């Protein structure tokens, strides 16, 4: 019989971290349920191949949104990892903790004990960083974090242009000062993707008290308002994995609310409409869906120094061969090596715009936008007020859920995005780019008015693949809370959710780091341990924030 003290659904960023911590002292038995297969192989492990796994049905659940009414009816893909390591095995390997203000906002919204002072010690516990800011970063955790080598001169041109435009520089956006232009951090170690599977799950699976079970989670088994196991389907056979102590759902911001609803936890009217018996009426399950949207602002380059020269099959083969043999070269980076976090206007107290800079003009699906040398910035607002939903399409566990982001449904989103485009153009116009800058590829020099920019946004805004918020953490007496601040599902015993679905609001930047932190902190809650002592460190806030955007 499949039975353990703790049963974790999902081997992603949070699930792998919890598997590692819950099995660490050898006292508890742990089963991790994962439907996806192995992450071994160059398409996942080679950092520069990142556009492949997120577009492959072997590694990705294949979700997409319903037609988005404010984006001209486009359905946007919503990749989620269906593989060991979850989305940390198919993501862009960008490492961003989030801003201190994000976590303080969580605490204000009812997630007591999740303010920045509370979560900073967990970020430090998980990290292994060599060149970060002293006292602010972890140096002996399982998660290796590095900076790219930034040998291409366009990276330093981007950072210099930010300074010329009057913005701050930062030596470490994951340290005391997020605001500014600087080097981007990557979850890459010795030339390989350093996913949650490599950092946490593989070392954990060497222990005798943990095992991995390959199966599709159909529902949580609940008896007398207590979760006692997980019903899975494996090799066309349905069986129950029993939990002696707790079931922990870490199946993603799309699959976690889906699994709760299939188990009778969610909005009562929606469950009844699908013929599902209501165990706990929690209207917040599947609500509060958030994401980051971004645009690619692309310029032609006048010098042949971009990645365009290596996009041909022969060069790719050479890069692949060097990576396979030595784990070095252009295959050993995600090419996101320069970044910026800036504020959109006076009166905004911490950054609300993120830039990823890339010395190539390409899309996430790997297709070149231009038949020439070029460079681009991915840019987007961090705190959209738009909210969406995840709902069941039917009571069939195998059916994909209905995902509605409601992108750009708030009028502020349009002002913020127009500003992002104009600001990127301003940065690309700085003297630092004079010797590299050709014509604008996208949106193109003719696109200037609000109406033209709005049309471009409608047609070209893409998800940054940071969905979260669908099982919101908050106060127990808040009807829209799904879990309490210890990640316990409200109204059901022995059940927790711990992944990006519990975020009250999306954090600045990419979500892998805060998702892993969530797993780290949740493990201490699950084990009933005292929390790590809160930090008394004060993050940097721009003294001119009331007067200026820079």
Protein backbone atom coordinates (compact mmCIF):
# COMPACT_ATOMS: atom_id res chain seq x y z
CA UNK A 1 0.00 0.00 0.00
CA UNK A 2 1.20 3.50 -0.87
CA UNK A 3 1.32 5.40 2.41
CA UNK A 4 3.49 8.09 4.00
CA UNK A 5 3.33 10.71 6.74
CA UNK A 6 3.27 13.47 4.12
CA UNK A 7 1.99 13.24 0.56
CA UNK A 8 3.02 16.08 -1.74
CA UNK A 9 1.22 16.59 -5.06
CA UNK A 10 3.69 18.07 -7.55
CA UNK A 11 7.48 18.08 -7.83
CA UNK A 12 7.82 21.72 -8.91
CA UNK A 13 9.56 24.68 -7.29
CA UNK A 14 7.68 24.51 -3.96
CA UNK A 15 7.01 20.75 -3.99
CA UNK A 16 10.68 19.81 -4.42
CA UNK A 17 11.74 22.23 -1.66
CA UNK A 18 9.17 20.71 0.73
CA UNK A 19 10.19 17.17 -0.22
CA UNK A 20 13.79 18.04 0.72
CA UNK A 21 12.96 19.76 4.01
CA UNK A 22 10.23 17.36 5.23
CA UNK A 23 12.49 14.34 4.72
CA UNK A 24 15.66 16.04 5.98
CA UNK A 25 15.80 14.74 9.57
CA UNK A 26 14.79 11.19 8.58
CA UNK A 27 11.87 11.12 11.03
CA UNK A 28 9.04 11.47 8.51
CA UNK A 29 8.15 9.44 5.44
CA UNK A 30 7.32 11.45 2.30
CA UNK A 31 5.73 10.54 -1.04
CA UNK A 32 5.91 12.98 -3.94
CA UNK A 33 3.30 12.44 -6.67
CA UNK A 34 4.40 13.66 -10.11
CA UNK A 35 2.63 12.96 -13.39
CA UNK A 36 5.45 14.21 -15.62
CA UNK A 37 8.48 12.20 -16.63
CA UNK A 38 12.23 12.64 -16.44
CA UNK A 39 13.99 15.98 -16.82
CA UNK A 40 17.22 14.31 -18.01
CA UNK A 41 18.26 15.40 -21.48
CA UNK A 42 19.90 18.34 -23.22
CA UNK A 43 16.70 20.21 -24.12
CA UNK A 44 15.96 20.79 -20.41
CA UNK A 45 19.46 20.78 -18.93
CA UNK A 46 21.09 23.06 -21.56
CA UNK A 47 20.21 26.64 -20.56
CA UNK A 48 20.17 28.18 -24.05
CA UNK A 49 17.66 25.54 -25.24
CA UNK A 50 15.01 27.11 -22.98
CA UNK A 51 12.53 27.81 -25.80
CA UNK A 52 12.15 24.07 -26.49
CA UNK A 53 10.77 22.45 -23.30
CA UNK A 54 8.07 25.08 -22.73
CA UNK A 55 6.77 24.34 -26.24
CA UNK A 56 6.83 20.54 -25.96
CA UNK A 57 3.83 18.44 -24.90
CA UNK A 58 6.28 15.98 -23.33
CA UNK A 59 7.23 18.58 -20.68
CA UNK A 60 4.31 21.04 -20.67
CA UNK A 61 0.64 20.61 -19.69
CA UNK A 62 -0.39 22.50 -22.83
CA UNK A 63 -2.76 24.96 -21.19
CA UNK A 64 -3.92 28.14 -22.87
CA UNK A 65 -6.29 30.91 -21.88
CA UNK A 66 -9.79 31.37 -23.18
CA UNK A 67 -9.94 34.07 -25.88
CA UNK A 68 -8.90 37.28 -24.11
CA UNK A 69 -11.49 40.01 -24.89
CA UNK A 70 -9.08 42.92 -24.32
CA UNK A 71 -6.37 41.38 -26.49
CA UNK A 72 -8.46 41.07 -29.64
CA UNK A 73 -9.76 37.61 -28.74
CA UNK A 74 -6.30 36.02 -28.69
CA UNK A 75 -5.88 32.85 -26.62
CA UNK A 76 -2.49 33.01 -24.88
CA UNK A 77 -0.46 29.91 -24.10
CA UNK A 78 0.01 29.18 -20.39
CA UNK A 79 2.94 26.75 -20.10
CA UNK A 80 3.22 24.80 -16.83
CA UNK A 81 5.84 22.13 -16.25
CA UNK A 82 4.69 18.50 -16.56
CA UNK A 83 8.07 17.02 -15.66
CA UNK A 84 10.31 16.47 -12.64
CA UNK A 85 11.03 19.94 -11.26
CA UNK A 86 7.74 21.31 -12.64
CA UNK A 87 7.95 24.77 -14.18
CA UNK A 88 11.49 25.23 -12.80
CA UNK A 89 12.50 22.70 -15.48
CA UNK A 90 10.96 24.65 -18.38
CA UNK A 91 11.30 28.28 -17.24
CA UNK A 92 13.72 31.00 -18.36
CA UNK A 93 16.02 30.40 -15.34
CA UNK A 94 15.80 34.03 -14.23
CA UNK A 95 16.22 34.47 -10.48
CA UNK A 96 14.31 37.31 -8.82
CA UNK A 97 13.24 37.22 -5.17
CA UNK A 98 10.63 39.95 -5.48
CA UNK A 99 10.71 43.34 -3.76
CA UNK A 100 10.48 43.80 0.00
CA UNK A 101 7.30 45.84 -0.60
CA UNK A 102 5.61 42.85 -2.24
CA UNK A 103 5.88 40.70 0.88
CA UNK A 104 4.96 43.56 3.21
CA UNK A 105 1.82 43.93 1.09
CA UNK A 106 1.09 40.21 1.53
CA UNK A 107 1.21 40.67 5.31
CA UNK A 108 -1.05 43.75 5.12
CA UNK A 109 -3.56 41.70 3.10
CA UNK A 110 -3.81 39.09 5.86
CA UNK A 111 -0.80 36.80 5.25
CA UNK A 112 0.57 37.39 8.76
CA UNK A 113 4.16 36.22 9.15
CA UNK A 114 4.96 36.63 5.43
CA UNK A 115 6.31 40.21 5.53
CA UNK A 116 9.75 40.80 4.03
CA UNK A 117 11.44 40.54 7.45
CA UNK A 118 9.86 37.07 7.80
CA UNK A 119 10.67 35.68 4.34
CA UNK A 120 14.20 37.10 3.91
CA UNK A 121 15.74 34.41 6.19
CA UNK A 122 14.13 31.73 3.98
CA UNK A 123 15.54 33.27 0.80
CA UNK A 124 18.94 33.20 2.49
CA UNK A 125 18.48 29.58 3.61
CA UNK A 126 17.76 28.37 0.09
CA UNK A 127 20.44 30.30 -1.82
CA UNK A 128 24.01 29.52 -2.77
CA UNK A 129 25.26 32.80 -4.24
CA UNK A 130 28.90 33.73 -4.81
CA UNK A 131 28.85 37.39 -5.88
CA UNK A 132 25.80 38.80 -4.12
CA UNK A 133 25.60 41.62 -1.60
CA UNK A 134 27.22 40.76 1.74
CA UNK A 135 24.77 40.03 4.52
CA UNK A 136 21.75 39.98 2.21
CA UNK A 137 22.33 36.72 0.37
CA UNK A 138 22.62 33.05 1.26
CA UNK A 139 25.88 31.27 0.50
CA UNK A 140 25.36 27.59 1.39
CA UNK A 141 21.81 26.64 0.39
CA UNK A 142 20.88 24.02 -2.22
CA UNK A 143 19.92 26.55 -4.92
CA UNK A 144 22.91 27.78 -6.90
CA UNK A 145 22.45 31.25 -8.35
CA UNK A 146 24.95 32.91 -10.69
CA UNK A 147 25.39 35.89 -12.98
CA UNK A 148 26.03 35.59 -16.68
CA UNK A 149 29.48 36.51 -17.98
CA UNK A 150 28.12 39.53 -19.93
CA UNK A 151 30.82 39.29 -22.59
CA UNK A 152 28.56 40.83 -25.25
CA UNK A 153 29.06 44.64 -25.17
CA UNK A 154 25.31 45.20 -25.58
CA UNK A 155 24.71 44.14 -21.96
CA UNK A 156 26.90 46.93 -20.60
CA UNK A 157 25.41 49.35 -23.16
CA UNK A 158 21.95 48.64 -21.71
CA UNK A 159 23.09 49.28 -18.12
CA UNK A 160 25.02 52.42 -19.17
CA UNK A 161 21.96 53.71 -21.07
CA UNK A 162 19.87 53.34 -17.92
CA UNK A 163 22.34 55.49 -16.01
CA UNK A 164 22.44 58.06 -18.85
CA UNK A 165 18.64 58.30 -18.70
CA UNK A 166 18.99 59.18 -15.01
CA UNK A 167 17.99 55.86 -13.46
CA UNK A 168 19.70 54.11 -10.56
CA UNK A 169 22.27 51.34 -10.91
CA UNK A 170 22.19 48.33 -8.60
CA UNK A 171 24.97 45.87 -7.82
CA UNK A 172 22.47 43.25 -6.66
CA UNK A 173 18.72 43.58 -7.31
CA UNK A 174 18.20 40.60 -4.97
CA UNK A 175 20.05 42.42 -2.17
CA UNK A 176 19.14 45.61 -0.36
CA UNK A 177 18.41 47.60 -3.54
CA UNK A 178 16.20 46.19 -6.26
CA UNK A 179 15.70 49.50 -8.05
CA UNK A 180 18.04 50.18 -10.94
CA UNK A 181 19.94 48.68 -13.89
CA UNK A 182 22.42 45.85 -13.41
CA UNK A 183 23.37 42.21 -13.91
CA UNK A 184 20.62 39.60 -14.10
CA UNK A 185 20.82 36.43 -11.99
CA UNK A 186 20.28 32.90 -13.27
CA UNK A 187 19.50 29.50 -11.74
CA UNK A 188 22.38 27.91 -13.67
CA UNK A 189 25.21 25.91 -12.08
CA UNK A 190 28.29 24.58 -13.86
CA UNK A 191 26.62 25.24 -17.19
CA UNK A 192 23.39 23.35 -16.37
CA UNK A 193 19.86 24.46 -15.55
CA UNK A 194 19.71 24.44 -11.76
CA UNK A 195 16.04 23.51 -11.39
CA UNK A 196 14.26 22.60 -8.16
CA UNK A 197 14.70 18.96 -9.25
CA UNK A 198 18.50 19.34 -9.40
CA UNK A 199 18.73 21.51 -6.27
CA UNK A 200 16.25 19.75 -3.98
CA UNK A 201 14.52 16.64 -5.31
CA UNK A 202 17.51 14.57 -6.48
CA UNK A 203 19.40 14.97 -3.19
CA UNK A 204 16.19 14.19 -1.25
CA UNK A 205 15.47 11.03 -3.26
CA UNK A 206 18.77 9.54 -2.07
CA UNK A 207 17.17 9.26 1.39
CA UNK A 208 15.37 6.08 2.43
CA UNK A 209 12.33 7.91 3.83
CA UNK A 210 11.17 9.50 0.57
CA UNK A 211 9.85 8.10 -2.68
CA UNK A 212 8.58 9.43 -5.97
CA UNK A 213 5.29 8.03 -7.31
CA UNK A 214 4.47 8.58 -10.96
CA UNK A 215 0.74 9.19 -11.32
CA UNK A 216 -2.02 11.64 -12.26
CA UNK A 217 -3.75 13.20 -9.24
CA UNK A 218 -7.53 12.93 -9.73
CA UNK A 219 -8.73 14.26 -6.37
CA UNK A 220 -7.94 14.57 -2.69
CA UNK A 221 -9.65 11.90 -0.59
CA UNK A 222 -11.50 13.61 2.27
CA UNK A 223 -13.20 11.75 5.14
CA UNK A 224 -15.06 13.63 7.89
CA UNK A 225 -13.62 16.99 6.71
CA UNK A 226 -10.07 15.60 6.86
CA UNK A 227 -7.76 14.91 3.92
CA UNK A 228 -6.53 11.31 4.20
CA UNK A 229 -4.94 10.74 0.82
CA UNK A 230 -4.82 11.42 -2.91
CA UNK A 231 -6.59 9.41 -5.57
CA UNK A 232 -4.22 8.87 -8.49
CA UNK A 233 -4.36 7.19 -11.85
CA UNK A 234 -1.22 5.31 -12.85
CA UNK A 235 -0.98 2.91 -15.80
CA UNK A 236 -4.78 3.07 -16.21
CA UNK A 237 -5.30 1.90 -12.64
CA UNK A 238 -6.90 4.12 -9.98
CA UNK A 239 -5.46 3.85 -6.47
CA UNK A 240 -5.18 5.95 -3.31
CA UNK A 241 -1.93 7.23 -1.86
CA UNK A 242 -2.65 7.53 1.87
CA UNK A 243 -1.35 10.33 4.08
CA UNK A 244 -0.92 9.54 7.76
CA UNK A 245 -0.40 13.19 8.66
CA UNK A 246 -1.05 15.63 5.81
CA UNK A 247 -1.67 16.09 2.11
CA UNK A 248 0.17 19.07 0.60
CA UNK A 249 -0.89 20.36 -2.80
CA UNK A 250 1.90 22.02 -4.81
CA UNK A 251 0.55 21.46 -8.30
CA UNK A 252 0.79 25.05 -9.73
CA UNK A 253 -1.52 28.04 -9.83
CA UNK A 254 -3.53 26.26 -12.54
CA UNK A 255 -3.62 22.66 -11.27
CA UNK A 256 -3.84 23.35 -7.52
CA UNK A 257 -7.22 25.15 -7.66
CA UNK A 258 -8.42 22.57 -10.21
CA UNK A 259 -7.54 19.71 -7.85
CA UNK A 260 -9.23 21.44 -4.89
CA UNK A 261 -12.41 21.96 -6.92
CA UNK A 262 -12.43 18.34 -8.13
CA UNK A 263 -12.21 17.40 -4.44
CA UNK A 264 -15.21 19.52 -3.42
CA UNK A 265 -13.32 22.59 -2.18
CA UNK A 266 -14.26 25.80 -4.00
CA UNK A 267 -17.18 28.06 -4.95
CA UNK A 268 -20.29 26.03 -4.02
CA UNK A 269 -22.39 27.12 -7.01
CA UNK A 270 -19.62 26.22 -9.48
CA UNK A 271 -19.04 22.83 -7.83
CA UNK A 272 -22.76 22.01 -7.83
CA UNK A 273 -23.03 23.02 -11.48
CA UNK A 274 -20.40 20.37 -12.18
CA UNK A 275 -22.15 17.75 -10.03
CA UNK A 276 -19.41 17.81 -7.37
CA UNK A 277 -20.41 17.42 -3.73
CA UNK A 278 -19.37 20.49 -1.69
CA UNK A 279 -16.91 19.70 1.11
CA UNK A 280 -15.92 23.33 1.80
CA UNK A 281 -17.49 26.39 0.17
CA UNK A 282 -14.41 28.55 -0.60
CA UNK A 283 -15.30 31.13 -3.27
CA UNK A 284 -11.62 32.16 -3.47
CA UNK A 285 -10.55 28.87 -5.09
CA UNK A 286 -9.71 29.71 -8.71
CA UNK A 287 -10.26 33.45 -8.21
CA UNK A 288 -7.59 36.20 -7.98
CA UNK A 289 -5.64 34.84 -11.00
CA UNK A 290 -2.77 37.19 -11.90
CA UNK A 291 0.15 37.23 -14.30
CA UNK A 292 2.75 39.54 -15.83
CA UNK A 293 2.35 40.60 -19.44
CA UNK A 294 5.29 41.85 -21.45
CA UNK A 295 6.20 43.29 -24.83
CA UNK A 296 9.36 42.85 -26.87
CA UNK A 297 10.78 46.20 -27.97
CA UNK A 298 13.26 45.37 -30.73
CA UNK A 299 15.99 47.34 -32.50
CA UNK A 300 18.17 46.47 -35.43
CA UNK A 301 21.88 46.41 -34.56
CA UNK A 302 24.41 48.10 -36.86
CA UNK A 303 27.26 45.83 -35.76
CA UNK A 304 27.31 42.03 -36.26
CA UNK A 305 27.73 41.27 -32.55
CA UNK A 306 24.31 39.84 -31.66
CA UNK A 307 23.14 36.23 -31.42
CA UNK A 308 21.77 36.49 -34.97
CA UNK A 309 25.08 35.16 -36.32
CA UNK A 310 24.66 31.88 -34.38
CA UNK A 311 21.00 31.18 -35.23
CA UNK A 312 22.02 29.02 -38.25
CA UNK A 313 22.05 25.21 -37.93
CA UNK A 314 25.84 24.86 -38.19
CA UNK A 315 26.53 27.36 -35.36
CA UNK A 316 23.80 25.79 -33.21
CA UNK A 317 25.43 22.37 -33.70
CA UNK A 318 28.81 23.75 -32.60
CA UNK A 319 27.26 25.42 -29.54
CA UNK A 320 25.47 22.19 -28.67
CA UNK A 321 28.64 20.14 -29.06
CA UNK A 322 30.65 22.47 -26.82
CA UNK A 323 27.91 22.36 -24.21
CA UNK A 324 27.62 18.56 -24.32
CA UNK A 325 31.39 18.13 -23.96
CA UNK A 326 32.32 20.93 -21.57
CA UNK A 327 29.09 22.63 -20.28
CA UNK A 328 30.55 25.96 -21.47
CA UNK A 329 29.96 28.52 -24.23
CA UNK A 330 26.76 30.11 -25.52
CA UNK A 331 24.81 26.97 -24.59
CA UNK A 332 25.55 27.49 -20.88
CA UNK A 333 23.54 30.72 -20.47
CA UNK A 334 19.89 31.74 -20.89
CA UNK A 335 21.24 34.99 -22.49
CA UNK A 336 19.26 37.08 -19.97
CA UNK A 337 22.31 38.73 -18.40
CA UNK A 338 21.24 42.36 -17.89
CA UNK A 339 18.09 43.60 -16.18
CA UNK A 340 16.38 46.61 -14.70
CA UNK A 341 13.66 47.37 -12.18
CA UNK A 342 12.37 50.95 -12.33
CA UNK A 343 9.44 53.03 -11.12
CA UNK A 344 6.91 54.32 -13.64
CA UNK A 345 6.26 57.72 -12.06
CA UNK A 346 6.68 59.96 -9.04
CA UNK A 347 4.63 58.71 -6.10
CA UNK A 348 5.36 55.01 -6.78
CA UNK A 349 7.50 53.92 -3.83
CA UNK A 350 9.15 50.84 -5.32
CA UNK A 351 9.74 49.47 -8.84
CA UNK A 352 6.71 48.53 -10.92
CA UNK A 353 8.40 47.89 -14.29
CA UNK A 354 10.80 45.07 -15.14
CA UNK A 355 13.22 44.82 -18.08
CA UNK A 356 14.96 41.68 -19.36
CA UNK A 357 17.60 42.60 -21.96
CA UNK A 358 18.65 40.21 -24.74
CA UNK A 359 21.36 40.71 -27.42
CA UNK A 360 19.07 39.23 -30.09
CA UNK A 361 15.69 39.94 -31.66
CA UNK A 362 13.87 36.64 -31.09
CA UNK A 363 10.64 35.39 -29.53
CA UNK A 364 10.06 32.88 -26.74
CA UNK A 365 9.22 30.22 -29.31
CA UNK A 366 12.75 30.67 -30.68
CA UNK A 367 11.74 32.31 -33.95
CA UNK A 368 13.79 35.28 -35.14
CA UNK A 369 11.80 38.50 -35.48
CA UNK A 370 14.24 40.09 -37.90
CA UNK A 371 16.37 38.77 -40.72
CA UNK A 372 19.22 40.87 -39.34
CA UNK A 373 21.23 41.58 -36.23
CA UNK A 374 19.15 43.06 -33.44
CA UNK A 375 18.61 43.40 -29.71
CA UNK A 376 15.52 43.64 -27.53
CA UNK A 377 14.14 44.44 -24.13
CA UNK A 378 11.25 42.49 -22.67
CA UNK A 379 9.31 45.08 -20.68
CA UNK A 380 6.10 45.02 -18.67
CA UNK A 381 4.28 46.44 -15.64
CA UNK A 382 4.62 44.43 -12.43
CA UNK A 383 1.36 45.14 -10.62
CA UNK A 384 -1.58 44.97 -13.00
CA UNK A 385 -4.95 45.45 -11.33
CA UNK A 386 -6.60 42.94 -13.69
CA UNK A 387 -7.77 39.67 -12.14
CA UNK A 388 -8.88 36.42 -13.71
CA UNK A 389 -10.16 32.94 -12.85
CA UNK A 390 -9.44 29.24 -13.18
CA UNK A 391 -12.60 27.12 -13.40
CA UNK A 392 -13.48 23.53 -14.13
CA UNK A 393 -14.64 22.83 -17.66
CA UNK A 394 -16.26 19.61 -16.42
CA UNK A 395 -15.93 17.16 -13.50
CA UNK A 396 -13.58 15.03 -15.65
CA UNK A 397 -10.12 15.28 -14.01
CA UNK A 398 -8.42 14.83 -17.40
CA UNK A 399 -10.13 17.83 -18.95
CA UNK A 400 -8.10 21.05 -19.07
CA UNK A 401 -9.49 23.85 -16.90
CA UNK A 402 -10.98 27.11 -18.19
CA UNK A 403 -8.34 29.81 -17.72
CA UNK A 404 -9.41 33.45 -18.02
CA UNK A 405 -6.75 36.01 -17.15
CA UNK A 406 -8.82 39.08 -18.16
CA UNK A 407 -5.56 40.64 -19.31
CA UNK A 408 -5.71 44.44 -19.77
CA UNK A 409 -9.23 44.63 -18.30
CA UNK A 410 -8.26 47.51 -15.99
CA UNK A 411 -7.85 50.93 -17.65
CA UNK A 412 -4.58 51.60 -15.75
CA UNK A 413 -2.97 48.67 -17.60
CA UNK A 414 -3.08 50.62 -20.87
CA UNK A 415 -1.43 53.75 -19.41
CA UNK A 416 1.26 51.59 -17.80
CA UNK A 417 2.05 49.67 -20.98
CA UNK A 418 2.21 52.79 -23.16
CA UNK A 419 4.65 54.23 -20.65
CA UNK A 420 6.73 51.02 -20.81
CA UNK A 421 7.08 51.32 -24.60
CA UNK A 422 7.99 55.01 -24.53
CA UNK A 423 10.45 54.48 -21.68
CA UNK A 424 12.21 51.61 -23.51
CA UNK A 425 12.56 53.82 -26.58
CA UNK A 426 14.05 56.54 -24.39
CA UNK A 427 16.64 54.09 -23.02
CA UNK A 428 17.51 52.79 -26.49
CA UNK A 429 18.00 56.43 -27.64
CA UNK A 430 20.75 57.07 -25.07
CA UNK A 431 24.37 57.70 -26.19
CA UNK A 432 25.47 54.26 -24.91
CA UNK A 433 23.60 52.68 -27.85
CA UNK A 434 24.77 55.19 -30.51
CA UNK A 435 27.32 52.86 -32.06
CA UNK A 436 24.91 49.88 -32.11
CA UNK A 437 21.46 51.31 -32.84
CA UNK A 438 19.77 50.74 -36.20
CA UNK A 439 16.11 51.21 -37.04
CA UNK A 440 13.36 50.13 -34.63
CA UNK A 441 11.99 46.72 -35.64
CA UNK A 442 9.10 46.55 -33.20
CA UNK A 443 6.74 48.38 -32.66
CA UNK A 444 8.40 50.42 -35.48
CA UNK A 445 9.07 54.16 -35.77
CA UNK A 446 5.61 54.89 -37.23
CA UNK A 447 3.78 53.60 -34.12
CA UNK A 448 3.52 56.63 -31.80
CA UNK A 449 0.01 57.76 -30.87
CA UNK A 450 -1.87 56.26 -27.91
CA UNK A 451 -4.21 54.54 -30.37
CA UNK A 452 -1.33 53.05 -32.36
CA UNK A 453 0.44 51.88 -29.22
CA UNK A 454 -2.79 50.35 -27.89
CA UNK A 455 -3.25 48.43 -31.15
CA UNK A 456 0.33 47.14 -30.87
CA UNK A 457 -0.24 46.08 -27.24
CA UNK A 458 -3.50 44.35 -28.16
CA UNK A 459 -1.80 42.37 -30.91
CA UNK A 460 1.61 41.66 -29.38
CA UNK A 461 1.49 41.59 -25.56
CA UNK A 462 2.64 38.17 -24.37
CA UNK A 463 2.46 36.40 -21.03
CA UNK A 464 5.72 36.33 -19.07
CA UNK A 465 4.40 32.99 -17.71
CA UNK A 466 4.03 34.11 -14.08
CA UNK A 467 0.50 32.95 -13.18
CA UNK A 468 -0.32 32.96 -9.46
CA UNK A 469 -2.88 33.84 -6.79
CA UNK A 470 -5.65 31.25 -7.32
CA UNK A 471 -5.63 29.80 -3.76
CA UNK A 472 -4.98 33.06 -1.96
CA UNK A 473 -3.45 33.08 1.50
CA UNK A 474 -5.12 35.38 4.01
CA UNK A 475 -7.08 35.76 7.21
CA UNK A 476 -9.21 32.80 8.26
CA UNK A 477 -12.33 34.99 8.47
CA UNK A 478 -11.85 36.43 4.97
CA UNK A 479 -14.30 34.57 2.70
CA UNK A 480 -11.92 34.90 -0.27
CA UNK A 481 -8.97 33.32 1.56
CA UNK A 482 -8.31 29.70 0.62
CA UNK A 483 -5.41 29.00 2.99
CA UNK A 484 -4.45 30.58 6.30
CA UNK A 485 -0.95 32.00 6.92
CA UNK A 486 0.30 28.48 7.72
CA UNK A 487 -0.87 27.28 4.27
CA UNK A 488 -3.71 25.20 5.79
CA UNK A 489 -6.82 24.96 3.64
CA UNK A 490 -9.61 26.68 5.55
CA UNK A 491 -12.46 24.28 6.36
CA UNK A 492 -10.55 21.00 5.82
CA UNK A 493 -8.15 19.30 8.25
CA UNK A 494 -4.84 17.76 7.21
CA UNK A 495 -4.63 19.64 3.91
CA UNK A 496 -2.34 22.45 2.80
CA UNK A 497 -1.53 24.28 -0.41
CA UNK A 498 1.96 25.68 -0.88
CA UNK A 499 2.99 27.03 -4.28
CA UNK A 500 2.52 30.24 -6.30
CA UNK A 501 -1.25 29.83 -6.11
CA UNK A 502 -1.23 31.11 -2.49
CA UNK A 503 0.38 34.48 -3.37
CA UNK A 504 -2.06 37.24 -2.39
CA UNK A 505 -0.52 39.43 -5.12
CA UNK A 506 2.06 38.74 -7.83
CA UNK A 507 5.61 39.69 -6.81
CA UNK A 508 8.07 41.77 -8.82
CA UNK A 509 9.85 39.75 -11.46
CA UNK A 510 9.96 36.04 -12.11
CA UNK A 511 8.18 33.63 -9.75
CA UNK A 512 10.55 30.68 -9.36
CA UNK A 513 12.41 32.20 -6.38
CA UNK A 514 9.32 33.17 -4.32
CA UNK A 515 7.75 29.78 -5.13
CA UNK A 516 10.78 27.92 -3.76
CA UNK A 517 10.79 30.24 -0.73
CA UNK A 518 7.12 29.34 -0.19
CA UNK A 519 8.04 25.65 -0.10
CA UNK A 520 10.92 26.32 2.30
CA UNK A 521 8.76 28.30 4.74
CA UNK A 522 5.73 26.00 4.42
CA UNK A 523 7.93 23.03 5.42
CA UNK A 524 8.64 24.68 8.79
CA UNK A 525 4.91 25.31 9.29
CA UNK A 526 4.09 21.69 8.40
CA UNK A 527 6.71 20.33 10.81
CA UNK A 528 5.51 22.71 13.56
CA UNK A 529 8.96 24.22 13.87
CA UNK A 530 9.59 27.76 15.08
CA UNK A 531 10.02 30.13 12.15
CA UNK A 532 13.50 31.41 11.34
CA UNK A 533 14.08 34.65 13.32
CA UNK A 534 12.87 37.70 11.35
CA UNK A 535 15.47 39.95 9.75
CA UNK A 536 16.01 43.53 10.94
CA UNK A 537 17.62 44.60 7.65
CA UNK A 538 16.18 47.69 5.96
CA UNK A 539 15.75 47.54 2.19
CA UNK A 540 16.67 50.59 0.09
CA UNK A 541 13.81 52.84 -1.01
CA UNK A 542 14.58 55.71 -3.38
CA UNK A 543 14.67 58.93 -1.32
CA UNK A 544 13.21 60.78 -4.36
CA UNK A 545 10.24 58.44 -4.86
CA UNK A 546 7.68 61.13 -4.07
CA UNK A 547 9.24 63.65 -6.50
CA UNK A 548 10.53 61.63 -9.44
CA UNK A 549 10.54 58.30 -11.29
CA UNK A 550 14.37 58.33 -11.27
